[in-house]
Amino acid sequence: MSFFLNKIRLWLRNKIYCQPGNEINISGRVRVRRCKISLKGHGCSLTLHPDVNLRGVNIEIDGINCHINIGANTVVGENTYLSCRERDISMKIRNYCMFSRNVKVMTSDGNDIIRSGERMNYAKNITIGNKVWLADGVVVLKGGDIGDGCVIGINSVVTNKVQGNTVAVGCPAREVSKNVSWRKELTY
């Protein structure tokens, strides 16, 4: 019964558009409030695992066989934008992640760039490991790959691989500290 209650709450508390041939999968109890969720194209999916918490998030999945998977116990803050577009593209956000406000994660540039008649900016998958903290205003672009336990600093832009258990900052994000861990609780 709680599965159906969860689905009803999802549709009542959010603006959701899901074209036929796409699906939203909810695994366990989730909290999704004031979000805009759009699935267009065909064979696309959004999967939310247990204890995911989304508030004021804009999720766009558009294309053929595009998937966003948000792992268990992940919190995503207000005004965050998650976009997975084009063909056979995925965005994987693992477990226990924390995204602050105003974060943008995008697998595609949104428009084609052509040189000598050939497209040069194809979409790429994005993977965000377990227990990753994206601070306020972080942008993760196509091909971004963030290892487990990372902290990405305020207003940083991730364009490639960030090794696990590091702090990375800047534009583009560069490693500034190794062998780190983080926790949600503040010590006073």
Foldseek 3Di string as FASTA:
>chain_A
DVVVVQVVCQVVFEAEAADPQEEEAEAADEAAHHEYYYAEEHLEYEYEHAHEYEYQEYEEEEEENEYEYAEHLEYAEHQEYEYTYYYNEYEYHYEQEYEYYQEYEYQFPPDFDDDPRDTDTDGAYEYHEYHEYEYAQEYEYHQFYEYAQEYEDHNEYGDHYDYHQFYFYHDPTDTDGHNHHDDPDDDD
